[in-house]
Amino acid sequence: MTEDTFREKLAPMLVEDETIEWIGRPARLPRLYIRIFQIVATIAAIIVFFAFILPLLRGETIIMEGVPLTFEKAWPPTLLTVATLGGFAYLWMRQFRSVRYIVTNMRALIYMPVWGIRITYNFKKRKWERDYTDSEYSPITGGYFTAGTQVTRTGSQRYGTLTISNKRSYMDDAGTIRFIKRIFPFLDGIIFDPANLQFSEIARPKVAQKHIEGILDKHRPKDLQTP
């Protein structure tokens, strides 16, 4: 998806007089995602090996549903398990590759395609429209800038995470999300607090930070602006 195509796709989700100032995307898959998949795949492989493959190699008879299990009967479900895990990993990575980080003249947003949609009928325009204000079924989430909005950077010079905090959010569950993430920090980047968004795994994060700080300066008093 090119940037021009994405801008066209994002246009219906913007409010009146809102313009896109910056678009970013993850430069690589978060290491947390990779580790989770590695752990799940390893556990599944160990279970299959010790429960089925090792006993069969020893010549032991495994009875399943009253019928002896053979290699001919064992390989189809094993192949299905491998394909399922691999397919899930592929969809997971593809979903994350579709993530976009957006900063407009009004707010910071995360775009993440969701498997679901909420449609409402617009009586004035006499047509069905997607409801982009629904936090569960909308592909975007974010909050509006205030004078206290800040952007901070963590990570290396090559890849890093930008946190845009202290925004105004209209989501009812924003406070609950913030509380949960304080207890379980590993959920950062998995569930989103629209008042404190995280743009993770960005290439050259220092450059992006400077760009976004320039946008935020428009919302700050002059004595608080970035020098």
Protein backbone atom coordinates (compact mmCIF):
# COMPACT_ATOMS: atom_id res chain seq x y z
CA MET A 1 0.00 0.00 0.00
CA THR A 2 1.59 3.26 -1.15
CA GLU A 3 1.40 6.42 0.94
CA ASP A 4 -0.98 8.05 -1.55
CA THR A 5 -3.29 5.03 -1.38
CA PHE A 6 -3.17 5.07 2.39
CA ARG A 7 -3.98 8.78 2.53
CA GLU A 8 -7.06 8.14 0.39
CA LYS A 9 -8.06 5.27 2.66
CA LEU A 10 -7.58 7.39 5.77
CA ALA A 11 -9.50 10.42 4.47
CA PRO A 12 -12.99 9.26 5.65
CA MET A 13 -11.63 8.74 9.18
CA LEU A 14 -10.43 12.34 9.61
CA VAL A 15 -12.51 15.09 11.17
CA GLU A 16 -13.25 18.45 9.57
CA ASP A 17 -10.16 20.60 8.86
CA GLU A 18 -7.83 17.76 9.91
CA THR A 19 -4.74 17.27 7.75
CA ILE A 20 -2.06 14.57 7.83
CA GLU A 21 1.37 15.91 8.88
CA TRP A 22 3.38 12.71 9.33
CA ILE A 23 3.00 8.99 8.56
CA GLY A 24 5.27 6.28 9.95
CA ARG A 25 5.26 2.51 10.23
CA PRO A 26 7.08 -0.24 12.14
CA ALA A 27 10.40 -1.00 10.48
CA ARG A 28 10.46 -4.53 11.89
CA LEU A 29 8.31 -6.93 13.87
CA PRO A 30 8.54 -6.30 17.64
CA ARG A 31 10.79 -8.78 19.38
CA LEU A 32 7.99 -9.49 21.87
CA TYR A 33 5.82 -10.85 19.04
CA ILE A 34 8.64 -13.07 17.82
CA ARG A 35 9.36 -14.42 21.30
CA ILE A 36 5.70 -15.23 21.95
CA PHE A 37 5.48 -17.22 18.72
CA GLN A 38 8.78 -18.98 19.42
CA ILE A 39 7.54 -20.04 22.87
CA VAL A 40 4.18 -21.28 21.55
CA ALA A 41 5.78 -23.14 18.63
CA THR A 42 8.41 -24.71 20.90
CA ILE A 43 5.83 -25.92 23.42
CA ALA A 44 3.70 -27.40 20.63
CA ALA A 45 6.72 -29.16 19.10
CA ILE A 46 7.74 -30.63 22.47
CA ILE A 47 4.23 -31.92 23.13
CA VAL A 48 3.98 -33.55 19.69
CA PHE A 49 7.44 -35.09 19.99
CA PHE A 50 7.03 -36.64 23.44
CA ALA A 51 3.38 -37.58 23.05
CA PHE A 52 3.51 -39.12 19.58
CA ILE A 53 6.81 -39.21 17.70
CA LEU A 54 9.10 -40.57 20.45
CA PRO A 55 6.75 -43.42 21.48
CA LEU A 56 6.31 -44.44 17.82
CA LEU A 57 10.10 -44.44 17.28
CA ARG A 58 10.45 -46.72 20.29
CA GLY A 59 7.96 -49.11 18.79
CA GLU A 60 5.32 -48.40 21.43
CA THR A 61 1.66 -48.63 20.54
CA ILE A 62 -0.40 -45.50 21.03
CA ILE A 63 -4.13 -46.05 21.27
CA MET A 64 -6.39 -43.19 20.24
CA GLU A 65 -10.16 -43.69 20.32
CA GLY A 66 -9.62 -47.43 20.56
CA VAL A 67 -7.49 -47.60 17.38
CA PRO A 68 -3.66 -48.02 17.24
CA LEU A 69 -1.93 -44.87 15.99
CA THR A 70 0.50 -45.30 13.08
CA PHE A 71 2.77 -42.88 11.21
CA GLU A 72 0.26 -42.87 8.35
CA LYS A 73 -2.46 -41.68 10.72
CA ALA A 74 -0.20 -39.39 12.73
CA TRP A 75 1.25 -37.20 9.99
CA PRO A 76 -1.99 -35.51 8.76
CA PRO A 77 -2.91 -33.98 12.18
CA THR A 78 0.76 -33.14 12.78
CA LEU A 79 0.95 -31.37 9.42
CA LEU A 80 -2.31 -29.57 10.19
CA THR A 81 -0.90 -28.35 13.52
CA VAL A 82 2.27 -27.06 11.87
CA ALA A 83 0.26 -25.36 9.12
CA THR A 84 -2.06 -23.77 11.67
CA LEU A 85 0.80 -22.37 13.73
CA GLY A 86 2.61 -21.17 10.63
CA GLY A 87 -0.55 -19.64 9.19
CA PHE A 88 -1.28 -17.83 12.43
CA ALA A 89 2.26 -16.44 12.52
CA TYR A 90 1.94 -15.28 8.90
CA LEU A 91 -1.38 -13.52 9.53
CA TRP A 92 0.00 -11.98 12.72
CA MET A 93 3.05 -10.59 10.93
CA ARG A 94 1.01 -9.42 7.95
CA GLN A 95 -1.43 -7.67 10.27
CA PHE A 96 1.39 -5.83 12.02
CA ARG A 97 3.00 -4.85 8.72
CA SER A 98 -0.26 -3.05 7.89
CA VAL A 99 0.06 -0.82 10.97
CA ARG A 100 0.57 2.88 10.31
CA TYR A 101 1.37 5.68 12.74
CA ILE A 102 -0.23 9.03 11.91
CA VAL A 103 0.23 12.51 13.28
CA THR A 104 -2.20 15.15 12.05
CA ASN A 105 -2.51 18.83 12.87
CA MET A 106 -4.90 17.80 15.68
CA ARG A 107 -4.05 14.37 17.05
CA ALA A 108 -1.88 11.24 17.04
CA LEU A 109 -3.37 8.03 15.66
CA ILE A 110 -2.56 4.38 15.22
CA TYR A 111 -4.07 2.63 12.20
CA MET A 112 -4.43 -1.12 12.62
CA PRO A 113 -6.85 -3.07 10.41
CA VAL A 114 -9.43 -4.91 12.50
CA TRP A 115 -11.38 -8.06 11.67
CA GLY A 116 -14.77 -6.53 12.20
CA ILE A 117 -16.81 -3.53 11.20
CA ARG A 118 -19.68 -1.44 12.52
CA ILE A 119 -21.97 0.19 9.97
CA THR A 120 -24.40 3.02 10.68
CA TYR A 121 -26.95 4.62 8.39
CA ASN A 122 -26.50 8.32 7.59
CA PHE A 123 -30.02 9.67 7.07
CA LYS A 124 -28.77 13.03 5.76
CA LYS A 125 -26.62 11.45 3.06
CA ARG A 126 -29.00 8.49 2.73
CA LYS A 127 -26.29 5.88 2.72
CA TRP A 128 -24.55 3.36 4.96
CA GLU A 129 -21.26 4.48 6.48
CA ARG A 130 -18.59 2.88 8.60
CA ASP A 131 -18.53 4.14 12.18
CA TYR A 132 -14.97 5.29 12.85
CA THR A 133 -15.79 6.47 16.38
CA ASP A 134 -16.27 2.92 17.65
CA SER A 135 -13.04 2.00 19.41
CA GLU A 136 -13.61 -1.74 18.99
CA TYR A 137 -14.46 -1.83 15.30
CA SER A 138 -12.61 1.21 13.95
CA PRO A 139 -9.12 0.69 12.47
CA ILE A 140 -7.87 3.92 14.08
CA THR A 141 -7.43 4.97 17.69
CA GLY A 142 -5.90 8.09 19.13
CA GLY A 143 -6.29 11.28 21.11
CA TYR A 144 -6.22 15.02 20.51
CA PHE A 145 -3.20 17.19 21.31
CA THR A 146 -3.16 19.50 24.30
CA ALA A 147 -0.64 22.06 25.53
CA GLY A 148 0.88 19.32 27.72
CA THR A 149 1.28 16.71 24.99
CA GLN A 150 4.84 15.39 24.76
CA VAL A 151 6.78 12.90 22.67
CA THR A 152 9.51 10.79 24.29
CA ARG A 153 11.91 8.31 22.72
CA THR A 154 13.29 5.00 23.97
CA GLY A 155 15.40 2.33 22.29
CA SER A 156 18.44 2.49 20.05
CA GLN A 157 19.37 5.10 17.46
CA ARG A 158 18.47 2.64 14.69
CA TYR A 159 15.14 1.35 16.01
CA GLY A 160 13.10 2.89 18.78
CA THR A 161 9.72 3.58 20.31
CA LEU A 162 8.05 6.98 20.43
CA THR A 163 5.48 7.60 23.14
CA ILE A 164 3.09 10.50 22.60
CA SER A 165 1.49 11.15 25.96
CA ASN A 166 -0.93 13.49 27.73
CA LYS A 167 -3.47 13.72 24.95
CA ARG A 168 -7.21 14.26 25.28
CA SER A 169 -9.14 11.07 24.65
CA TYR A 170 -12.88 10.50 24.32
CA MET A 171 -12.67 6.76 24.86
CA ASP A 172 -14.54 5.69 28.00
CA ASP A 173 -12.11 2.84 28.73
CA ALA A 174 -8.89 4.85 28.29
CA GLY A 175 -8.34 5.08 32.05
CA THR A 176 -8.88 1.35 32.47
CA ILE A 177 -6.41 0.58 29.69
CA ARG A 178 -3.80 2.84 31.30
CA PHE A 179 -4.26 1.09 34.66
CA ILE A 180 -3.95 -2.39 33.12
CA LYS A 181 -0.75 -1.46 31.26
CA ARG A 182 0.83 -0.21 34.48
CA ILE A 183 0.26 -3.64 36.03
CA PHE A 184 1.22 -5.57 32.88
CA PRO A 185 3.86 -3.48 31.02
CA PHE A 186 4.34 -6.17 28.36
CA LEU A 187 0.94 -5.21 26.93
CA ASP A 188 2.46 -2.01 25.52
CA GLY A 189 1.97 -2.08 21.77
CA ILE A 190 -0.71 -4.80 22.03
CA ILE A 191 -3.52 -2.81 23.60
CA PHE A 192 -3.69 0.91 23.01
CA ASP A 193 -4.32 3.73 25.42
CA PRO A 194 -5.38 6.58 23.10
CA ALA A 195 -4.17 9.17 25.60
CA ASN A 196 -0.65 7.67 25.60
CA LEU A 197 0.05 6.04 22.23
CA GLN A 198 3.24 4.14 21.46
CA PHE A 199 4.79 4.08 18.00
CA SER A 200 7.07 1.05 18.24
CA GLU A 201 10.02 -0.23 16.18
CA ILE A 202 10.43 2.96 14.14
CA ALA A 203 13.57 3.34 12.05
CA ARG A 204 15.67 6.45 12.86
CA PRO A 205 13.44 7.39 15.83
CA LYS A 206 15.40 10.57 16.62
CA VAL A 207 14.50 12.07 13.25
CA ALA A 208 10.84 11.14 13.71
CA GLN A 209 10.84 12.62 17.22
CA LYS A 210 12.14 15.97 15.95
CA HIS A 211 9.52 16.03 13.22
CA ILE A 212 6.66 15.29 15.63
CA GLU A 213 7.94 17.82 18.21
CA GLY A 214 7.70 20.47 15.50
CA ILE A 215 4.05 19.54 14.96
CA LEU A 216 3.33 19.58 18.70
CA ASP A 217 4.86 23.03 19.08
CA LYS A 218 1.79 24.46 17.36
CA HIS A 219 -0.25 23.40 20.40
CA ARG A 220 2.13 24.65 23.11
CA PRO A 221 2.61 28.10 24.60
CA LYS A 222 5.71 29.81 23.14
CA ASP A 223 7.73 29.46 26.35
CA LEU A 224 7.27 25.66 26.26
CA GLN A 225 8.15 25.11 22.62
CA THR A 226 11.10 22.94 21.51
CA PRO A 227 14.24 25.06 21.01
